[in-house]
Amino acid sequence: MSAQIEIWYDSANNSHRWLGYFDLLGIRALIESRPHFYVFTVYASAIEEATKNLARQPTVSFVCFSDTFLIYTSDDSAQNFTLIDQVSRWFVYSLLINDSIPVRGAISCGDFYADRSSNLYFGPALVEAYEYGEAQDWIGFLLSPSAVARLDSLGIPAGEPLNYAYWNVPFKTGKKKLISKLPACILGQWSEINGKNPCLEKLDELKRCVKLQDVGKYEKAIQFIEKCQRKMVIPPR
């Protein structure tokens, strides 16, 4: 006879949290065209990046399901937004620059039940982050309406952080009910230093290697970064 598994609801697992939903793009094509070991290295790299980024952040956790990563905090404080913002931006940047893995996602804020021992995760924050993450038709991530509302309530206007800029985010066909003008992350770094941004260079490089129907995703991301990034000049010593 198989052992009986008992899972109990624990209210301590439920909290109002910041939640990031991130989806690795191009995995289907990798699975269809590359050996399993190569696909394994892609997943392993993503997990290593997430683990490394969270090593010193006890209030931030992550879990992955295949090519989807959830990064979430212990509560919805301003301090934890700063942490999930830093971790999320570095996670996306590292995968893109170091491993040529493009990512799409969204950060939300709301009730989220996280039971790591039973591998059980659900809640309105996940539903919204999933909906806005999957709807985007480009490379990058945004702050969903619940995240914007929470930041406003904390006295931190969502368009104020230098790493984000309001933009009419491109969504897939049939997603008209979603709010499209939202703060999106300026990938890599908010400023162009001496005319260079490594994320722009990497996106342009990857754009030349994808199928024709996917080129637009990269072009939209490139256009957003070029338009919204600030410019910084560091004089030579």
Protein backbone atom coordinates (compact mmCIF):
# COMPACT_ATOMS: atom_id res chain seq x y z
CA MET A 1 0.00 0.00 0.00
CA SER A 2 1.20 3.49 -0.74
CA ALA A 3 1.86 5.87 2.12
CA GLN A 4 -0.91 8.35 2.81
CA ILE A 5 0.03 11.98 2.29
CA GLU A 6 -1.63 14.58 4.49
CA ILE A 7 -1.52 18.24 3.59
CA TRP A 8 -2.86 20.77 6.08
CA TYR A 9 -3.78 24.38 5.56
CA ASP A 10 -1.51 26.63 7.61
CA SER A 11 -2.51 30.28 7.83
CA ALA A 12 1.13 31.16 8.50
CA ASN A 13 1.85 30.29 4.86
CA ASN A 14 -0.54 32.94 3.62
CA SER A 15 0.62 36.53 3.46
CA HIS A 16 0.29 39.73 1.47
CA ARG A 17 3.50 39.56 -0.58
CA TRP A 18 5.45 40.84 -3.53
CA LEU A 19 5.52 38.13 -6.19
CA GLY A 20 7.53 37.93 -9.39
CA TYR A 21 6.49 35.54 -12.17
CA PHE A 22 9.20 34.87 -14.78
CA ASP A 23 9.06 32.67 -17.84
CA LEU A 24 12.16 31.55 -19.75
CA LEU A 25 11.52 32.03 -23.47
CA GLY A 26 12.58 29.76 -26.29
CA ILE A 27 12.56 26.58 -24.21
CA ARG A 28 10.17 24.76 -26.55
CA ALA A 29 12.51 25.36 -29.49
CA LEU A 30 15.47 24.20 -27.39
CA ILE A 31 13.72 20.98 -26.42
CA GLU A 32 12.82 20.28 -30.04
CA SER A 33 16.24 21.10 -31.47
CA ARG A 34 18.90 20.43 -28.83
CA PRO A 35 20.05 17.39 -26.81
CA HIS A 36 18.53 16.94 -23.36
CA PHE A 37 21.84 17.74 -21.70
CA TYR A 38 21.91 21.17 -23.34
CA VAL A 39 18.38 21.89 -22.13
CA PHE A 40 19.44 20.72 -18.68
CA THR A 41 22.30 23.23 -18.63
CA VAL A 42 19.85 26.05 -19.43
CA TYR A 43 17.61 25.11 -16.50
CA ALA A 44 20.59 24.58 -14.22
CA SER A 45 21.98 28.00 -15.08
CA ALA A 46 18.64 29.67 -14.28
CA ILE A 47 18.39 27.87 -10.93
CA GLU A 48 21.98 28.74 -10.07
CA GLU A 49 21.36 32.41 -10.85
CA ALA A 50 18.22 32.50 -8.71
CA THR A 51 19.92 30.70 -5.83
CA LYS A 52 22.97 32.94 -5.98
CA ASN A 53 20.87 36.10 -6.03
CA LEU A 54 18.85 35.02 -2.99
CA ALA A 55 21.73 33.72 -0.87
CA ARG A 56 21.84 36.87 1.26
CA GLN A 57 18.14 37.71 1.19
CA PRO A 58 16.34 35.70 3.92
CA THR A 59 12.99 37.40 3.23
CA VAL A 60 13.00 36.50 -0.49
CA SER A 61 12.41 32.97 -1.83
CA PHE A 62 12.01 31.29 -5.18
CA VAL A 63 10.48 28.16 -6.65
CA CYS A 64 10.54 26.87 -10.21
CA PHE A 65 8.19 24.74 -12.30
CA SER A 66 9.88 23.70 -15.54
CA ASP A 67 10.66 27.02 -17.31
CA THR A 68 8.66 29.20 -14.88
CA PHE A 69 10.24 30.86 -11.86
CA LEU A 70 8.39 32.46 -8.94
CA ILE A 71 10.26 34.89 -6.70
CA TYR A 72 8.33 36.03 -3.64
CA THR A 73 8.83 37.90 -0.37
CA SER A 74 7.70 37.37 3.21
CA ASP A 75 5.51 40.50 3.16
CA ASP A 76 4.59 43.55 1.09
CA SER A 77 6.82 46.11 2.80
CA ALA A 78 8.76 48.80 0.97
CA GLN A 79 12.01 47.11 2.04
CA ASN A 80 10.95 43.83 0.47
CA PHE A 81 9.98 45.58 -2.76
CA THR A 82 13.52 46.91 -2.94
CA LEU A 83 14.84 43.38 -2.46
CA ILE A 84 12.59 41.64 -4.99
CA ASP A 85 13.27 44.43 -7.47
CA GLN A 86 17.03 43.97 -7.14
CA VAL A 87 16.85 40.18 -7.28
CA SER A 88 14.45 40.17 -10.26
CA ARG A 89 16.44 42.65 -12.31
CA TRP A 90 19.70 40.81 -11.71
CA PHE A 91 18.07 37.44 -12.46
CA VAL A 92 16.77 38.64 -15.82
CA TYR A 93 19.99 40.50 -16.63
CA SER A 94 22.25 37.56 -15.78
CA LEU A 95 20.28 35.05 -17.83
CA LEU A 96 20.21 37.35 -20.84
CA ILE A 97 23.84 38.47 -20.77
CA ASN A 98 25.59 35.34 -19.51
CA ASP A 99 23.45 32.59 -21.01
CA SER A 100 21.52 34.27 -23.87
CA ILE A 101 18.23 33.28 -22.23
CA PRO A 102 15.48 35.88 -22.76
CA VAL A 103 12.87 36.24 -20.02
CA ARG A 104 9.37 37.66 -19.76
CA GLY A 105 7.56 38.36 -16.50
CA ALA A 106 5.64 40.55 -14.07
CA ILE A 107 5.80 41.60 -10.42
CA SER A 108 2.49 41.76 -8.54
CA CYS A 109 1.46 42.33 -4.94
CA GLY A 110 -1.29 40.54 -3.03
CA ASP A 111 -2.28 37.44 -1.12
CA PHE A 112 -0.11 34.45 -1.91
CA TYR A 113 -0.09 31.09 -0.14
CA ALA A 114 3.36 29.48 -0.20
CA ASP A 115 3.84 26.06 1.38
CA ARG A 116 7.32 24.89 0.42
CA SER A 117 7.07 21.60 2.30
CA SER A 118 3.97 20.55 0.31
CA ASN A 119 4.98 22.37 -2.87
CA LEU A 120 1.65 24.22 -2.84
CA TYR A 121 1.39 27.75 -4.19
CA PHE A 122 -1.69 29.81 -5.06
CA GLY A 123 -3.39 33.16 -4.63
CA PRO A 124 -4.57 36.34 -6.39
CA ALA A 125 -1.01 37.67 -6.64
CA LEU A 126 0.01 34.62 -8.68
CA VAL A 127 -3.05 34.84 -10.93
CA GLU A 128 -2.34 38.47 -11.79
CA ALA A 129 1.42 38.04 -12.21
CA TYR A 130 0.81 35.03 -14.48
CA GLU A 131 -1.79 36.88 -16.55
CA TYR A 132 0.39 39.95 -17.10
CA GLY A 133 3.56 37.94 -17.53
CA GLU A 134 2.16 35.64 -20.20
CA ALA A 135 0.32 38.44 -22.05
CA GLN A 136 3.43 40.42 -23.01
CA ASP A 137 4.64 40.28 -26.58
CA TRP A 138 8.25 41.29 -26.03
CA ILE A 139 11.31 40.56 -23.88
CA GLY A 140 11.18 42.07 -20.41
CA PHE A 141 9.04 42.47 -17.33
CA LEU A 142 6.65 44.96 -15.80
CA LEU A 143 4.98 46.02 -12.56
CA SER A 144 1.37 44.83 -12.60
CA PRO A 145 -1.54 47.04 -11.44
CA SER A 146 -1.52 45.59 -7.91
CA ALA A 147 2.19 46.37 -7.56
CA VAL A 148 1.63 49.92 -8.80
CA ALA A 149 -1.23 50.38 -6.30
CA ARG A 150 0.85 49.07 -3.40
CA LEU A 151 3.80 51.30 -4.26
CA ASP A 152 1.48 54.30 -4.41
CA SER A 153 0.12 53.43 -0.96
CA LEU A 154 3.69 53.29 0.35
CA GLY A 155 4.41 56.74 -1.05
CA ILE A 156 6.70 55.37 -3.77
CA PRO A 157 5.20 56.29 -7.15
CA ALA A 158 5.84 53.41 -9.52
CA GLY A 159 7.29 55.64 -12.22
CA GLU A 160 9.77 57.21 -9.83
CA PRO A 161 12.44 54.46 -9.56
CA LEU A 162 15.03 55.03 -12.27
CA ASN A 163 14.93 51.38 -13.32
CA TYR A 164 11.32 51.66 -14.56
CA ALA A 165 9.43 53.78 -17.05
CA TYR A 166 5.75 53.90 -17.97
CA TRP A 167 5.14 52.43 -21.41
CA ASN A 168 2.30 51.08 -23.51
CA VAL A 169 3.44 47.49 -23.06
CA PRO A 170 2.80 45.37 -26.17
CA PHE A 171 0.39 42.53 -25.44
CA LYS A 172 -0.59 39.53 -27.50
CA THR A 173 -3.80 39.61 -29.52
CA GLY A 174 -6.92 39.17 -27.39
CA LYS A 175 -5.53 40.81 -24.23
CA LYS A 176 -7.35 44.15 -24.56
CA LYS A 177 -8.93 43.89 -21.11
CA LEU A 178 -5.52 44.26 -19.48
CA ILE A 179 -4.08 47.64 -18.54
CA SER A 180 -1.31 48.26 -21.03
CA LYS A 181 0.31 51.48 -19.79
CA LEU A 182 2.42 50.22 -16.92
CA PRO A 183 5.94 50.68 -15.52
CA ALA A 184 8.29 48.35 -17.38
CA CYS A 185 11.83 47.54 -16.33
CA ILE A 186 14.62 49.14 -18.33
CA LEU A 187 16.57 45.93 -18.79
CA GLY A 188 20.13 45.73 -17.60
CA GLN A 189 20.63 49.21 -16.27
CA TRP A 190 18.59 52.36 -16.24
CA SER A 191 21.39 54.40 -17.81
CA GLU A 192 23.38 54.14 -20.98
CA ILE A 193 27.00 54.51 -19.92
CA ASN A 194 29.24 56.14 -22.51
CA GLY A 195 26.92 55.05 -25.30
CA LYS A 196 26.73 51.38 -24.33
CA ASN A 197 24.11 49.14 -22.78
CA PRO A 198 25.02 45.43 -22.77
CA CYS A 199 21.37 44.36 -22.83
CA LEU A 200 20.74 46.28 -26.03
CA GLU A 201 23.73 44.62 -27.66
CA LYS A 202 22.61 41.17 -26.53
CA LEU A 203 18.99 41.68 -27.64
CA ASP A 204 20.19 42.81 -31.06
CA GLU A 205 22.47 39.77 -31.28
CA LEU A 206 19.68 37.35 -30.36
CA LYS A 207 17.25 39.05 -32.73
CA ARG A 208 19.40 37.92 -35.63
CA CYS A 209 19.12 34.28 -34.58
CA VAL A 210 15.39 33.81 -33.97
CA LYS A 211 12.57 32.89 -36.31
CA LEU A 212 11.06 35.72 -38.34
CA GLN A 213 7.81 35.68 -36.34
CA ASP A 214 9.76 36.32 -33.12
CA VAL A 215 11.89 39.23 -34.34
CA GLY A 216 9.22 41.74 -33.32
CA LYS A 217 9.50 40.75 -29.64
CA TYR A 218 13.13 41.83 -29.64
CA GLU A 219 12.55 44.98 -31.66
CA LYS A 220 9.84 46.16 -29.24
CA ALA A 221 12.13 45.61 -26.26
CA ILE A 222 15.02 47.40 -27.97
CA GLN A 223 12.80 50.36 -28.87
CA PHE A 224 11.60 50.70 -25.27
CA ILE A 225 15.10 50.64 -23.80
CA GLU A 226 16.51 53.08 -26.35
CA LYS A 227 13.64 55.49 -25.74
CA CYS A 228 13.50 55.34 -21.95
CA GLN A 229 17.02 54.78 -20.65
CA ARG A 230 18.81 57.76 -19.19
CA LYS A 231 22.21 58.73 -20.49
CA MET A 232 25.33 58.94 -18.38
CA VAL A 233 28.81 59.98 -19.42
CA ILE A 234 31.77 59.00 -17.25
CA PRO A 235 34.80 61.14 -18.13
CA PRO A 236 38.11 59.31 -18.58
CA ARG A 237 40.61 59.56 -15.76
